[in-house]
Every structure is written in structure tokens, then in C-alpha cells.
Amino acid sequence: SEIFLITSGIVLFAFLGDISASYYKSRYNAKDFSNLIPGHGGFLDRFDSLIFGGAWVALYELTLKI
């Protein structure tokens, strides 16, 4: 059950990270976060899901783990 909770949280937070980056880019008319990887949303766009997923793991480990 613990692995299901961690995995579900990672999936949900990764999705939210991707959606929030897309929202930010469309709201402020920013096609790319940087020009390091042209046409792919930039360098940070490759990691937005990972950053939010990592935040879930940290939150889980610090507060929810019993």
C-alpha cells in the first residue's frame, strides 16, 4: 500500500508540474524557458514533472510517512 501511495503521488504531482509549466508558458506567452534545447520547451521543461514528483516524495517522507 505504501508503494501505491508513493507512485500515485508521483504520477499526480508530475502531471501537475507539467500542467503548471504549460499554463505559465501560455499565460506569459513564453514559448521556451530557455534556448538550450531549441523547440523542446527549453531545459527546465524537461524537468518540470521531475521537480514536482520529487517534491511529492519529499513531502511524503517528511510529513506523511508513518
N, C-alpha and C. Protein backbone atom coordinates (compact mmCIF):
# COMPACT_ATOMS: atom_id res chain seq x y z
N SER A 1 0.81 -1.19 0.00
CA SER A 1 0.00 0.00 0.00
C SER A 1 0.86 1.26 0.00
N GLU A 2 2.02 1.21 0.67
CA GLU A 2 2.90 2.38 0.69
C GLU A 2 3.44 2.68 -0.70
N ILE A 3 3.81 1.65 -1.45
CA ILE A 3 4.34 1.87 -2.80
C ILE A 3 3.26 2.44 -3.72
N PHE A 4 2.02 2.03 -3.52
CA PHE A 4 0.91 2.58 -4.31
C PHE A 4 0.72 4.06 -4.02
N LEU A 5 0.79 4.44 -2.76
CA LEU A 5 0.63 5.84 -2.36
C LEU A 5 1.76 6.70 -2.93
N ILE A 6 2.98 6.23 -2.82
CA ILE A 6 4.12 6.99 -3.36
C ILE A 6 4.01 7.12 -4.87
N THR A 7 3.72 6.02 -5.56
CA THR A 7 3.61 6.03 -7.02
C THR A 7 2.47 6.91 -7.49
N SER A 8 1.33 6.80 -6.86
CA SER A 8 0.18 7.63 -7.24
C SER A 8 0.48 9.11 -7.04
N GLY A 9 1.14 9.42 -5.95
CA GLY A 9 1.51 10.81 -5.69
C GLY A 9 2.49 11.35 -6.71
N ILE A 10 3.47 10.53 -7.09
CA ILE A 10 4.44 10.95 -8.10
C ILE A 10 3.75 11.22 -9.43
N VAL A 11 2.87 10.32 -9.83
CA VAL A 11 2.14 10.49 -11.09
C VAL A 11 1.30 11.76 -11.06
N LEU A 12 0.56 11.97 -9.99
CA LEU A 12 -0.28 13.15 -9.87
C LEU A 12 0.55 14.44 -9.85
N PHE A 13 1.59 14.47 -9.03
CA PHE A 13 2.42 15.68 -8.94
C PHE A 13 3.18 15.94 -10.23
N ALA A 14 3.64 14.89 -10.91
CA ALA A 14 4.33 15.08 -12.19
C ALA A 14 3.38 15.69 -13.21
N PHE A 15 2.15 15.21 -13.24
CA PHE A 15 1.15 15.77 -14.14
C PHE A 15 0.89 17.24 -13.81
N LEU A 16 0.74 17.55 -12.52
CA LEU A 16 0.51 18.93 -12.11
C LEU A 16 1.69 19.83 -12.46
N GLY A 17 2.90 19.30 -12.34
CA GLY A 17 4.08 20.08 -12.72
C GLY A 17 4.09 20.40 -14.19
N ASP A 18 3.74 19.43 -15.00
CA ASP A 18 3.70 19.66 -16.45
C ASP A 18 2.60 20.65 -16.82
N ILE A 19 1.44 20.51 -16.21
CA ILE A 19 0.33 21.42 -16.47
C ILE A 19 0.66 22.84 -16.02
N SER A 20 1.28 22.97 -14.86
CA SER A 20 1.59 24.31 -14.37
C SER A 20 2.64 25.00 -15.24
N ALA A 21 3.61 24.26 -15.73
CA ALA A 21 4.60 24.84 -16.64
C ALA A 21 3.94 25.26 -17.94
N SER A 22 3.03 24.44 -18.46
CA SER A 22 2.31 24.79 -19.69
C SER A 22 1.44 26.02 -19.47
N TYR A 23 0.79 26.10 -18.32
CA TYR A 23 -0.04 27.26 -18.01
C TYR A 23 0.81 28.53 -17.95
N TYR A 24 1.93 28.45 -17.27
CA TYR A 24 2.83 29.61 -17.15
C TYR A 24 3.29 30.07 -18.53
N LYS A 25 3.68 29.11 -19.36
CA LYS A 25 4.18 29.46 -20.70
C LYS A 25 3.08 30.09 -21.56
N SER A 26 1.86 29.59 -21.48
CA SER A 26 0.79 30.17 -22.29
C SER A 26 0.32 31.50 -21.72
N ARG A 27 0.29 31.62 -20.41
CA ARG A 27 -0.16 32.85 -19.76
C ARG A 27 0.77 34.02 -20.07
N TYR A 28 2.06 33.77 -20.06
CA TYR A 28 3.04 34.83 -20.26
C TYR A 28 3.68 34.80 -21.66
N ASN A 29 3.06 34.04 -22.55
CA ASN A 29 3.49 33.96 -23.94
C ASN A 29 4.99 33.66 -24.07
N ALA A 30 5.43 32.70 -23.30
CA ALA A 30 6.83 32.27 -23.33
C ALA A 30 6.88 30.90 -23.98
N LYS A 31 7.36 30.83 -25.20
CA LYS A 31 7.39 29.55 -25.91
C LYS A 31 8.37 28.58 -25.27
N ASP A 32 9.53 29.06 -24.92
CA ASP A 32 10.57 28.23 -24.32
C ASP A 32 11.07 28.88 -23.04
N PHE A 33 11.42 28.05 -22.06
CA PHE A 33 12.03 28.57 -20.85
C PHE A 33 13.46 29.02 -21.13
N SER A 34 14.11 28.39 -22.10
CA SER A 34 15.46 28.78 -22.48
C SER A 34 15.72 28.30 -23.90
N ASN A 35 16.83 28.69 -24.47
CA ASN A 35 17.19 28.27 -25.82
C ASN A 35 18.22 27.15 -25.82
N LEU A 36 18.45 26.54 -24.67
CA LEU A 36 19.44 25.47 -24.58
C LEU A 36 19.06 24.26 -25.43
N ILE A 37 17.78 23.91 -25.44
CA ILE A 37 17.28 22.82 -26.28
C ILE A 37 16.18 23.41 -27.15
N PRO A 38 16.50 23.99 -28.30
CA PRO A 38 15.50 24.68 -29.13
C PRO A 38 14.35 23.78 -29.56
N GLY A 39 13.13 24.31 -29.45
CA GLY A 39 11.95 23.58 -29.89
C GLY A 39 11.41 22.56 -28.92
N HIS A 40 12.06 22.39 -27.79
CA HIS A 40 11.61 21.39 -26.80
C HIS A 40 11.16 22.03 -25.50
N GLY A 41 10.87 23.32 -25.52
CA GLY A 41 10.42 23.99 -24.30
C GLY A 41 11.56 24.43 -23.42
N GLY A 42 12.76 24.19 -23.83
CA GLY A 42 13.91 24.61 -23.04
C GLY A 42 14.32 23.59 -22.01
N PHE A 43 15.36 23.90 -21.30
CA PHE A 43 15.97 22.98 -20.35
C PHE A 43 15.03 22.63 -19.19
N LEU A 44 14.42 23.64 -18.58
CA LEU A 44 13.55 23.37 -17.44
C LEU A 44 12.30 22.60 -17.82
N ASP A 45 11.85 22.71 -19.05
CA ASP A 45 10.66 21.99 -19.48
C ASP A 45 10.90 20.48 -19.49
N ARG A 46 12.12 20.06 -19.55
CA ARG A 46 12.44 18.63 -19.48
C ARG A 46 12.32 18.12 -18.05
N PHE A 47 12.35 19.01 -17.07
CA PHE A 47 12.42 18.58 -15.67
C PHE A 47 11.24 19.03 -14.81
N ASP A 48 10.25 19.73 -15.37
CA ASP A 48 9.16 20.23 -14.54
C ASP A 48 8.39 19.10 -13.86
N SER A 49 8.17 18.01 -14.56
CA SER A 49 7.48 16.87 -13.94
C SER A 49 8.34 16.24 -12.86
N LEU A 50 9.62 16.14 -13.13
CA LEU A 50 10.54 15.53 -12.16
C LEU A 50 10.63 16.37 -10.89
N ILE A 51 10.65 17.68 -11.04
CA ILE A 51 10.73 18.58 -9.89
C ILE A 51 9.50 18.42 -9.00
N PHE A 52 8.32 18.42 -9.60
CA PHE A 52 7.09 18.27 -8.81
C PHE A 52 6.98 16.86 -8.23
N GLY A 53 7.37 15.85 -8.98
CA GLY A 53 7.35 14.48 -8.46
C GLY A 53 8.29 14.32 -7.28
N GLY A 54 9.46 14.94 -7.38
CA GLY A 54 10.42 14.93 -6.27
C GLY A 54 9.88 15.66 -5.05
N ALA A 55 9.13 16.73 -5.30
CA ALA A 55 8.52 17.46 -4.19
C ALA A 55 7.52 16.58 -3.44
N TRP A 56 6.78 15.75 -4.18
CA TRP A 56 5.85 14.83 -3.54
C TRP A 56 6.60 13.82 -2.66
N VAL A 57 7.67 13.25 -3.18
CA VAL A 57 8.44 12.28 -2.41
C VAL A 57 8.98 12.92 -1.13
N ALA A 58 9.49 14.14 -1.24
CA ALA A 58 9.99 14.85 -0.07
C ALA A 58 8.86 15.12 0.93
N LEU A 59 7.73 15.58 0.43
CA LEU A 59 6.57 15.84 1.30
C LEU A 59 6.13 14.55 2.00
N TYR A 60 6.06 13.49 1.25
CA TYR A 60 5.66 12.21 1.82
C TYR A 60 6.63 11.76 2.91
N GLU A 61 7.91 11.82 2.60
CA GLU A 61 8.91 11.36 3.57
C GLU A 61 8.96 12.23 4.82
N LEU A 62 8.74 13.51 4.67
CA LEU A 62 8.84 14.42 5.82
C LEU A 62 7.58 14.49 6.67
N THR A 63 6.41 14.28 6.05
CA THR A 63 5.18 14.51 6.82
C THR A 63 4.22 13.34 6.86
N LEU A 64 4.12 12.57 5.81
CA LEU A 64 3.06 11.56 5.75
C LEU A 64 3.52 10.15 6.13
N LYS A 65 4.81 9.90 6.06
CA LYS A 65 5.30 8.56 6.35
C LYS A 65 5.06 8.22 7.82
N ILE A 66 4.47 7.07 8.02
CA ILE A 66 4.12 6.66 9.39
C ILE A 66 5.11 5.63 9.89
